[in-house]
Amino acid sequence: MMASLLHCDWLNKAQNILITGPCGSGKTYIACALGHTACMKGYSVKYYRLSRLMLELTQAKADGTYSKALQTLAKLDCLIIDDWGLEPLKAAQRNDVMEIMDDRNESASTIMISQLPTDQWYQSIGDNTLADAILDRLMHNAHRIKLKGESMRKTQSNLTDREHLEVK
């Protein structure tokens, strides 16, 4: 599957990628590797943690550049959003995500990264009607990558077991 995705045909077809798994399992690494490959092939790509994207859009509303910010996001060939579902979305954030997904639907690709399994995304959005609309646009043409395993940060740590001990 990864070899196929690295050809970037999913971008030409405006398909999405949903990457789920536990903390430290390599979700962000894989998403950024796909984004980097897309960049090397001439596609436009931007990475955001969801909280920072929401902050940027809130600031754009305040300074009158909201419409321009949405247009910029819509034009990206690939938008990578990390930490999806980490905290419940507020009403304004749900509307922002809906605008983004609607603008990008069937015209651009989005990679969503989440610790939550996709069957829990509905509840994390918070509003049934918007959840239906957002997830319909996001999931109906998506490749799904479900990762498992222990945190790579833990297994690749340079600390010895003795150094991991907590000093009291």
N, C-alpha and C. Protein backbone atom coordinates (compact mmCIF):
# COMPACT_ATOMS: atom_id res chain seq x y z
N MET A 1 0.83 -1.18 0.00
CA MET A 1 0.00 0.00 0.00
C MET A 1 0.88 1.26 0.00
N MET A 2 1.92 1.26 0.84
CA MET A 2 2.79 2.44 0.92
C MET A 2 3.48 2.69 -0.41
N ALA A 3 3.96 1.65 -1.05
CA ALA A 3 4.62 1.83 -2.35
C ALA A 3 3.67 2.45 -3.35
N SER A 4 2.42 2.01 -3.33
CA SER A 4 1.42 2.56 -4.22
C SER A 4 1.17 4.04 -3.92
N LEU A 5 1.05 4.38 -2.64
CA LEU A 5 0.80 5.77 -2.25
C LEU A 5 1.96 6.68 -2.61
N LEU A 6 3.17 6.17 -2.59
CA LEU A 6 4.35 6.98 -2.92
C LEU A 6 4.40 7.38 -4.39
N HIS A 7 3.59 6.75 -5.23
CA HIS A 7 3.49 7.16 -6.64
C HIS A 7 2.66 8.43 -6.80
N CYS A 8 1.91 8.78 -5.76
CA CYS A 8 1.10 10.01 -5.69
C CYS A 8 -0.12 10.03 -6.61
N ASP A 9 -0.56 8.88 -7.08
CA ASP A 9 -1.79 8.85 -7.88
C ASP A 9 -2.99 9.33 -7.08
N TRP A 10 -2.97 9.12 -5.78
CA TRP A 10 -4.06 9.55 -4.91
C TRP A 10 -4.23 11.06 -4.96
N LEU A 11 -3.15 11.79 -5.20
CA LEU A 11 -3.25 13.24 -5.32
C LEU A 11 -3.94 13.64 -6.63
N ASN A 12 -3.60 12.95 -7.70
CA ASN A 12 -4.25 13.24 -8.98
C ASN A 12 -5.75 12.95 -8.95
N LYS A 13 -6.15 12.00 -8.10
CA LYS A 13 -7.55 11.62 -7.98
C LYS A 13 -8.26 12.35 -6.83
N ALA A 14 -7.55 13.28 -6.17
CA ALA A 14 -8.09 14.04 -5.03
C ALA A 14 -8.63 13.11 -3.94
N GLN A 15 -7.87 12.05 -3.66
CA GLN A 15 -8.25 11.12 -2.61
C GLN A 15 -7.58 11.52 -1.30
N ASN A 16 -8.17 11.12 -0.21
CA ASN A 16 -7.65 11.45 1.11
C ASN A 16 -6.94 10.24 1.71
N ILE A 17 -6.18 10.51 2.77
CA ILE A 17 -5.53 9.44 3.53
C ILE A 17 -5.82 9.68 5.00
N LEU A 18 -6.28 8.65 5.67
CA LEU A 18 -6.57 8.71 7.10
C LEU A 18 -5.60 7.79 7.81
N ILE A 19 -4.78 8.35 8.69
CA ILE A 19 -3.77 7.57 9.41
C ILE A 19 -4.12 7.58 10.89
N THR A 20 -4.34 6.39 11.44
CA THR A 20 -4.69 6.27 12.85
C THR A 20 -3.73 5.31 13.54
N GLY A 21 -3.62 5.47 14.85
CA GLY A 21 -2.77 4.58 15.63
C GLY A 21 -2.38 5.23 16.94
N PRO A 22 -1.76 4.45 17.82
CA PRO A 22 -1.38 4.99 19.13
C PRO A 22 -0.27 6.03 19.03
N CYS A 23 -0.11 6.77 20.10
CA CYS A 23 0.92 7.79 20.19
C CYS A 23 2.30 7.17 19.94
N GLY A 24 3.08 7.81 19.07
CA GLY A 24 4.44 7.34 18.81
C GLY A 24 4.55 6.21 17.82
N SER A 25 3.45 5.84 17.17
CA SER A 25 3.48 4.68 16.26
C SER A 25 3.98 5.03 14.86
N GLY A 26 4.22 6.30 14.58
CA GLY A 26 4.77 6.69 13.28
C GLY A 26 3.79 7.36 12.35
N LYS A 27 2.64 7.77 12.86
CA LYS A 27 1.61 8.39 12.02
C LYS A 27 2.12 9.66 11.34
N THR A 28 2.66 10.56 12.12
CA THR A 28 3.14 11.83 11.59
C THR A 28 4.32 11.60 10.65
N TYR A 29 5.18 10.67 11.00
CA TYR A 29 6.33 10.34 10.15
C TYR A 29 5.87 9.89 8.76
N ILE A 30 4.89 9.01 8.73
CA ILE A 30 4.38 8.50 7.45
C ILE A 30 3.70 9.62 6.66
N ALA A 31 2.88 10.42 7.34
CA ALA A 31 2.20 11.53 6.65
C ALA A 31 3.21 12.50 6.06
N CYS A 32 4.23 12.84 6.83
CA CYS A 32 5.25 13.78 6.34
C CYS A 32 6.09 13.16 5.22
N ALA A 33 6.32 11.86 5.28
CA ALA A 33 7.04 11.19 4.19
C ALA A 33 6.21 11.24 2.90
N LEU A 34 4.90 11.04 3.02
CA LEU A 34 4.03 11.15 1.85
C LEU A 34 4.00 12.59 1.34
N GLY A 35 3.94 13.54 2.27
CA GLY A 35 3.97 14.95 1.89
C GLY A 35 5.27 15.34 1.22
N HIS A 36 6.38 14.85 1.75
CA HIS A 36 7.69 15.15 1.18
C HIS A 36 7.81 14.58 -0.24
N THR A 37 7.34 13.37 -0.41
CA THR A 37 7.36 12.75 -1.74
C THR A 37 6.51 13.58 -2.71
N ALA A 38 5.36 14.03 -2.25
CA ALA A 38 4.49 14.87 -3.08
C ALA A 38 5.21 16.16 -3.47
N CYS A 39 5.89 16.77 -2.50
CA CYS A 39 6.66 18.00 -2.80
C CYS A 39 7.73 17.74 -3.85
N MET A 40 8.41 16.63 -3.72
CA MET A 40 9.49 16.28 -4.67
C MET A 40 8.93 16.07 -6.08
N LYS A 41 7.65 15.74 -6.16
CA LYS A 41 7.01 15.54 -7.46
C LYS A 41 6.28 16.79 -7.94
N GLY A 42 6.47 17.91 -7.23
CA GLY A 42 5.92 19.18 -7.67
C GLY A 42 4.56 19.56 -7.13
N TYR A 43 4.02 18.80 -6.19
CA TYR A 43 2.72 19.13 -5.59
C TYR A 43 2.92 20.13 -4.44
N SER A 44 1.90 20.94 -4.18
CA SER A 44 1.94 21.85 -3.04
C SER A 44 1.38 21.14 -1.82
N VAL A 45 2.10 21.25 -0.71
CA VAL A 45 1.75 20.53 0.52
C VAL A 45 1.96 21.45 1.71
N LYS A 46 1.06 21.37 2.69
CA LYS A 46 1.25 22.11 3.93
C LYS A 46 0.80 21.24 5.09
N TYR A 47 1.58 21.29 6.17
CA TYR A 47 1.32 20.51 7.38
C TYR A 47 0.85 21.45 8.49
N TYR A 48 -0.18 21.03 9.22
CA TYR A 48 -0.65 21.76 10.39
C TYR A 48 -0.99 20.78 11.50
N ARG A 49 -0.72 21.18 12.74
CA ARG A 49 -1.40 20.54 13.85
C ARG A 49 -2.76 21.22 13.91
N LEU A 50 -3.82 20.48 14.17
CA LEU A 50 -5.18 21.03 14.13
C LEU A 50 -5.32 22.27 15.02
N SER A 51 -4.74 22.24 16.19
CA SER A 51 -4.87 23.38 17.10
C SER A 51 -4.27 24.65 16.50
N ARG A 52 -3.16 24.52 15.81
CA ARG A 52 -2.53 25.70 15.20
C ARG A 52 -3.29 26.18 13.97
N LEU A 53 -3.86 25.26 13.23
CA LEU A 53 -4.69 25.64 12.08
C LEU A 53 -5.91 26.42 12.57
N MET A 54 -6.54 25.93 13.63
CA MET A 54 -7.71 26.63 14.17
C MET A 54 -7.33 28.02 14.70
N LEU A 55 -6.17 28.13 15.34
CA LEU A 55 -5.69 29.42 15.82
C LEU A 55 -5.44 30.38 14.66
N GLU A 56 -4.81 29.87 13.60
CA GLU A 56 -4.55 30.70 12.42
C GLU A 56 -5.86 31.21 11.79
N LEU A 57 -6.86 30.35 11.73
CA LEU A 57 -8.14 30.76 11.16
C LEU A 57 -8.87 31.76 12.07
N THR A 58 -8.75 31.59 13.37
CA THR A 58 -9.35 32.55 14.31
C THR A 58 -8.70 33.93 14.12
N GLN A 59 -7.38 33.94 13.98
CA GLN A 59 -6.68 35.21 13.75
C GLN A 59 -7.07 35.82 12.41
N ALA A 60 -7.26 34.96 11.41
CA ALA A 60 -7.66 35.46 10.08
C ALA A 60 -9.05 36.09 10.13
N LYS A 61 -9.94 35.53 10.93
CA LYS A 61 -11.26 36.14 11.09
C LYS A 61 -11.12 37.53 11.72
N ALA A 62 -10.24 37.64 12.69
CA ALA A 62 -10.06 38.91 13.40
C ALA A 62 -9.46 40.00 12.52
N ASP A 63 -8.55 39.61 11.63
CA ASP A 63 -7.88 40.63 10.81
C ASP A 63 -8.46 40.77 9.40
N GLY A 64 -9.57 40.06 9.14
CA GLY A 64 -10.26 40.22 7.86
C GLY A 64 -9.70 39.41 6.71
N THR A 65 -8.82 38.45 7.00
CA THR A 65 -8.21 37.65 5.92
C THR A 65 -8.74 36.21 5.89
N TYR A 66 -9.86 35.96 6.55
CA TYR A 66 -10.42 34.60 6.64
C TYR A 66 -10.70 34.00 5.27
N SER A 67 -11.36 34.75 4.42
CA SER A 67 -11.69 34.25 3.09
C SER A 67 -10.43 33.91 2.31
N LYS A 68 -9.43 34.74 2.40
CA LYS A 68 -8.16 34.49 1.70
C LYS A 68 -7.47 33.25 2.28
N ALA A 69 -7.52 33.09 3.60
CA ALA A 69 -6.92 31.91 4.24
C ALA A 69 -7.59 30.63 3.76
N LEU A 70 -8.93 30.64 3.67
CA LEU A 70 -9.65 29.47 3.16
C LEU A 70 -9.29 29.18 1.71
N GLN A 71 -9.16 30.21 0.89
CA GLN A 71 -8.78 30.03 -0.51
C GLN A 71 -7.39 29.42 -0.63
N THR A 72 -6.48 29.87 0.22
CA THR A 72 -5.11 29.33 0.22
C THR A 72 -5.13 27.84 0.57
N LEU A 73 -5.91 27.46 1.58
CA LEU A 73 -6.02 26.05 1.96
C LEU A 73 -6.66 25.23 0.85
N ALA A 74 -7.66 25.79 0.18
CA ALA A 74 -8.36 25.07 -0.88
C ALA A 74 -7.45 24.79 -2.07
N LYS A 75 -6.48 25.66 -2.31
CA LYS A 75 -5.60 25.53 -3.48
C LYS A 75 -4.47 24.52 -3.27
N LEU A 76 -4.20 24.16 -2.02
CA LEU A 76 -3.12 23.20 -1.76
C LEU A 76 -3.47 21.84 -2.37
N ASP A 77 -2.49 21.21 -3.00
CA ASP A 77 -2.72 19.86 -3.52
C ASP A 77 -2.93 18.88 -2.37
N CYS A 78 -2.19 19.09 -1.28
CA CYS A 78 -2.27 18.19 -0.13
C CYS A 78 -2.20 19.00 1.16
N LEU A 79 -3.19 18.84 1.99
CA LEU A 79 -3.23 19.45 3.31
C LEU A 79 -3.11 18.34 4.34
N ILE A 80 -2.10 18.43 5.20
CA ILE A 80 -1.89 17.44 6.26
C ILE A 80 -2.34 18.05 7.58
N ILE A 81 -3.28 17.39 8.24
CA ILE A 81 -3.78 17.87 9.53
C ILE A 81 -3.50 16.80 10.59
N ASP A 82 -2.69 17.18 11.56
CA ASP A 82 -2.26 16.26 12.62
C ASP A 82 -3.06 16.52 13.90
N ASP A 83 -3.10 15.53 14.76
CA ASP A 83 -3.77 15.60 16.06
C ASP A 83 -5.28 15.80 15.95
N TRP A 84 -5.89 15.22 14.91
CA TRP A 84 -7.35 15.27 14.73
C TRP A 84 -8.00 14.50 15.88
N GLY A 85 -9.00 15.13 16.52
CA GLY A 85 -9.76 14.47 17.57
C GLY A 85 -9.10 14.47 18.93
N LEU A 86 -7.98 15.18 19.07
CA LEU A 86 -7.30 15.23 20.35
C LEU A 86 -8.17 15.90 21.41
N GLU A 87 -8.91 16.94 21.00
CA GLU A 87 -9.87 17.60 21.88
C GLU A 87 -11.14 17.84 21.08
N PRO A 88 -12.29 17.90 21.75
CA PRO A 88 -13.54 18.17 21.02
C PRO A 88 -13.49 19.53 20.33
N LEU A 89 -14.10 19.62 19.16
CA LEU A 89 -14.13 20.89 18.43
C LEU A 89 -15.20 21.82 19.00
N LYS A 90 -14.87 23.09 19.07
CA LYS A 90 -15.85 24.11 19.45
C LYS A 90 -16.69 24.42 18.22
N ALA A 91 -17.82 25.10 18.43
CA ALA A 91 -18.76 25.38 17.34
C ALA A 91 -18.08 26.09 16.17
N ALA A 92 -17.33 27.14 16.44
CA ALA A 92 -16.66 27.87 15.37
C ALA A 92 -15.64 27.00 14.64
N GLN A 93 -14.96 26.13 15.38
CA GLN A 93 -13.98 25.23 14.78
C GLN A 93 -14.66 24.20 13.88
N ARG A 94 -15.81 23.70 14.30
CA ARG A 94 -16.56 22.76 13.45
C ARG A 94 -16.91 23.43 12.12
N ASN A 95 -17.35 24.67 12.20
CA ASN A 95 -17.69 25.40 10.98
C ASN A 95 -16.46 25.62 10.10
N ASP A 96 -15.32 25.92 10.72
CA ASP A 96 -14.08 26.11 9.96
C ASP A 96 -13.68 24.82 9.25
N VAL A 97 -13.74 23.71 9.97
CA VAL A 97 -13.38 22.42 9.36
C VAL A 97 -14.33 22.09 8.22
N MET A 98 -15.61 22.38 8.41
CA MET A 98 -16.59 22.15 7.35
C MET A 98 -16.25 22.97 6.10
N GLU A 99 -15.91 24.23 6.29
CA GLU A 99 -15.52 25.08 5.15
C GLU A 99 -14.32 24.50 4.42
N ILE A 100 -13.32 24.08 5.19
CA ILE A 100 -12.10 23.51 4.59
C ILE A 100 -12.43 22.25 3.80
N MET A 101 -13.17 21.34 4.42
CA MET A 101 -13.48 20.06 3.77
C MET A 101 -14.37 20.26 2.55
N ASP A 102 -15.31 21.19 2.64
CA ASP A 102 -16.18 21.45 1.51
C ASP A 102 -15.40 22.03 0.33
N ASP A 103 -14.51 22.98 0.62
CA ASP A 103 -13.70 23.58 -0.44
C ASP A 103 -12.78 22.57 -1.12
N ARG A 104 -12.29 21.61 -0.35
CA ARG A 104 -11.31 20.65 -0.87
C ARG A 104 -11.97 19.39 -1.46
N ASN A 105 -13.24 19.18 -1.18
CA ASN A 105 -13.94 17.97 -1.60
C ASN A 105 -13.83 17.74 -3.10
N GLU A 106 -13.31 16.58 -3.45
CA GLU A 106 -13.16 16.12 -4.84
C GLU A 106 -12.27 17.02 -5.70
N SER A 107 -11.52 17.93 -5.07
CA SER A 107 -10.61 18.77 -5.86
C SER A 107 -9.19 18.76 -5.31
N ALA A 108 -9.01 18.32 -4.06
CA ALA A 108 -7.69 18.27 -3.45
C ALA A 108 -7.67 17.18 -2.38
N SER A 109 -6.46 16.78 -2.00
CA SER A 109 -6.31 15.68 -1.04
C SER A 109 -5.99 16.20 0.35
N THR A 110 -6.47 15.46 1.34
CA THR A 110 -6.20 15.79 2.74
C THR A 110 -5.71 14.53 3.43
N ILE A 111 -4.68 14.68 4.24
CA ILE A 111 -4.21 13.60 5.10
C ILE A 111 -4.58 13.97 6.53
N MET A 112 -5.35 13.12 7.18
CA MET A 112 -5.74 13.32 8.58
C MET A 112 -4.99 12.31 9.44
N ILE A 113 -4.43 12.80 10.53
CA ILE A 113 -3.66 11.97 11.46
C ILE A 113 -4.36 12.01 12.82
N SER A 114 -4.63 10.84 13.40
CA SER A 114 -5.35 10.82 14.67
C SER A 114 -4.98 9.60 15.50
N GLN A 115 -4.98 9.81 16.81
CA GLN A 115 -4.85 8.68 17.73
C GLN A 115 -6.17 7.92 17.85
N LEU A 116 -7.26 8.61 17.53
CA LEU A 116 -8.59 7.99 17.62
C LEU A 116 -8.87 7.12 16.40
N PRO A 117 -9.46 5.95 16.61
CA PRO A 117 -9.93 5.18 15.45
C PRO A 117 -11.01 5.97 14.71
N THR A 118 -11.13 5.78 13.42
CA THR A 118 -12.08 6.57 12.62
C THR A 118 -13.52 6.45 13.12
N ASP A 119 -13.88 5.33 13.74
CA ASP A 119 -15.26 5.18 14.21
C ASP A 119 -15.56 6.07 15.43
N GLN A 120 -14.55 6.72 15.99
CA GLN A 120 -14.76 7.66 17.10
C GLN A 120 -14.70 9.11 16.66
N TRP A 121 -14.41 9.36 15.39
CA TRP A 121 -14.28 10.74 14.90
C TRP A 121 -15.62 11.49 14.96
N TYR A 122 -16.69 10.77 14.70
CA TYR A 122 -18.03 11.39 14.71
C TYR A 122 -18.28 12.11 16.03
N GLN A 123 -18.04 11.39 17.14
CA GLN A 123 -18.28 11.97 18.46
C GLN A 123 -17.34 13.12 18.75
N SER A 124 -16.11 13.07 18.26
CA SER A 124 -15.14 14.12 18.57
C SER A 124 -15.50 15.45 17.90
N ILE A 125 -16.30 15.40 16.84
CA ILE A 125 -16.71 16.62 16.15
C ILE A 125 -17.76 17.35 16.98
N GLY A 126 -18.71 16.62 17.55
CA GLY A 126 -19.63 17.21 18.51
C GLY A 126 -21.02 17.55 18.00
N ASP A 127 -21.17 17.90 16.75
CA ASP A 127 -22.48 18.27 16.21
C ASP A 127 -22.83 17.24 15.14
N ASN A 128 -23.97 16.56 15.31
CA ASN A 128 -24.32 15.46 14.42
C ASN A 128 -24.41 15.86 12.96
N THR A 129 -25.03 16.98 12.67
CA THR A 129 -25.21 17.40 11.28
C THR A 129 -23.88 17.74 10.63
N LEU A 130 -23.07 18.52 11.33
CA LEU A 130 -21.75 18.88 10.77
C LEU A 130 -20.84 17.66 10.72
N ALA A 131 -20.92 16.79 11.71
CA ALA A 131 -20.10 15.58 11.70
C ALA A 131 -20.41 14.74 10.46
N ASP A 132 -21.71 14.57 10.16
CA ASP A 132 -22.09 13.83 8.95
C ASP A 132 -21.48 14.46 7.70
N ALA A 133 -21.60 15.77 7.58
CA ALA A 133 -21.12 16.47 6.39
C ALA A 133 -19.61 16.43 6.27
N ILE A 134 -18.90 16.68 7.37
CA ILE A 134 -17.43 16.69 7.36
C ILE A 134 -16.90 15.30 7.03
N LEU A 135 -17.39 14.30 7.75
CA LEU A 135 -16.87 12.95 7.57
C LEU A 135 -17.25 12.35 6.22
N ASP A 136 -18.40 12.73 5.67
CA ASP A 136 -18.77 12.28 4.34
C ASP A 136 -17.75 12.77 3.31
N ARG A 137 -17.37 14.02 3.41
CA ARG A 137 -16.40 14.60 2.47
C ARG A 137 -15.01 14.04 2.68
N LEU A 138 -14.69 13.70 3.91
CA LEU A 138 -13.35 13.23 4.24
C LEU A 138 -13.15 11.74 3.98
N MET A 139 -14.13 10.92 4.30
CA MET A 139 -13.94 9.47 4.32
C MET A 139 -14.37 8.72 3.06
N HIS A 140 -15.26 9.29 2.26
CA HIS A 140 -15.82 8.49 1.17
C HIS A 140 -14.80 8.10 0.11
N ASN A 141 -13.70 8.81 0.01
CA ASN A 141 -12.68 8.47 -0.99
C ASN A 141 -11.30 8.38 -0.36
N ALA A 142 -11.25 7.79 0.84
CA ALA A 142 -10.00 7.80 1.61
C ALA A 142 -9.33 6.43 1.71
N HIS A 143 -8.00 6.48 1.63
CA HIS A 143 -7.18 5.32 1.96
C HIS A 143 -7.00 5.35 3.47
N ARG A 144 -7.06 4.19 4.11
CA ARG A 144 -6.94 4.13 5.57
C ARG A 144 -5.71 3.34 5.97
N ILE A 145 -4.92 3.95 6.82
CA ILE A 145 -3.72 3.30 7.35
C ILE A 145 -3.90 3.22 8.86
N LYS A 146 -3.98 2.00 9.39
CA LYS A 146 -4.15 1.79 10.83
C LYS A 146 -2.85 1.21 11.38
N LEU A 147 -2.17 1.98 12.21
CA LEU A 147 -0.91 1.55 12.77
C LEU A 147 -1.12 0.95 14.16
N LYS A 148 -0.22 0.06 14.54
CA LYS A 148 -0.26 -0.59 15.85
C LYS A 148 1.13 -0.51 16.45
N GLY A 149 1.23 -0.93 17.69
CA GLY A 149 2.54 -1.08 18.30
C GLY A 149 2.86 -0.06 19.36
N GLU A 150 4.00 -0.29 19.97
CA GLU A 150 4.48 0.56 21.05
C GLU A 150 5.10 1.83 20.48
N SER A 151 5.18 2.84 21.29
CA SER A 151 5.74 4.12 20.87
C SER A 151 7.17 3.96 20.39
N MET A 152 7.43 4.46 19.19
CA MET A 152 8.79 4.43 18.67
C MET A 152 9.70 5.35 19.49
N ARG A 153 9.15 6.37 20.09
CA ARG A 153 9.94 7.26 20.94
C ARG A 153 10.50 6.49 22.13
N LYS A 154 9.70 5.56 22.64
CA LYS A 154 10.14 4.76 23.78
C LYS A 154 11.18 3.73 23.34
N THR A 155 10.91 3.03 22.24
CA THR A 155 11.81 1.97 21.82
C THR A 155 13.12 2.51 21.26
N GLN A 156 13.14 3.77 20.79
CA GLN A 156 14.36 4.35 20.23
C GLN A 156 15.05 5.31 21.18
N SER A 157 14.60 5.36 22.41
CA SER A 157 15.18 6.28 23.40
C SER A 157 16.62 5.90 23.69
N ASN A 158 17.46 6.90 23.90
CA ASN A 158 18.86 6.68 24.23
C ASN A 158 19.06 6.47 25.73
N LEU A 159 18.02 6.66 26.52
CA LEU A 159 18.13 6.48 27.96
C LEU A 159 18.15 5.00 28.32
N THR A 160 18.96 4.66 29.30
CA THR A 160 18.96 3.29 29.80
C THR A 160 17.79 3.12 30.75
N ASP A 161 17.48 1.88 31.10
CA ASP A 161 16.39 1.64 32.05
C ASP A 161 16.65 2.37 33.37
N ARG A 162 17.90 2.39 33.78
CA ARG A 162 18.25 3.07 35.04
C ARG A 162 17.98 4.58 34.93
N GLU A 163 18.27 5.18 33.79
CA GLU A 163 18.05 6.61 33.59
C GLU A 163 16.56 6.95 33.51
N HIS A 164 15.73 5.98 33.11
CA HIS A 164 14.28 6.19 33.05
C HIS A 164 13.67 6.29 34.45
N LEU A 165 14.40 5.82 35.47
CA LEU A 165 13.85 5.84 36.81
C LEU A 165 13.60 7.26 37.27
N GLU A 166 12.54 7.42 37.99
CA GLU A 166 12.14 8.73 38.50
C GLU A 166 12.87 9.00 39.80
N VAL A 167 13.46 10.16 39.93
CA VAL A 167 14.15 10.55 41.15
C VAL A 167 13.13 11.19 42.09
N LYS A 168 13.12 10.75 43.31
CA LYS A 168 12.15 11.26 44.29
C LYS A 168 12.86 12.02 45.37
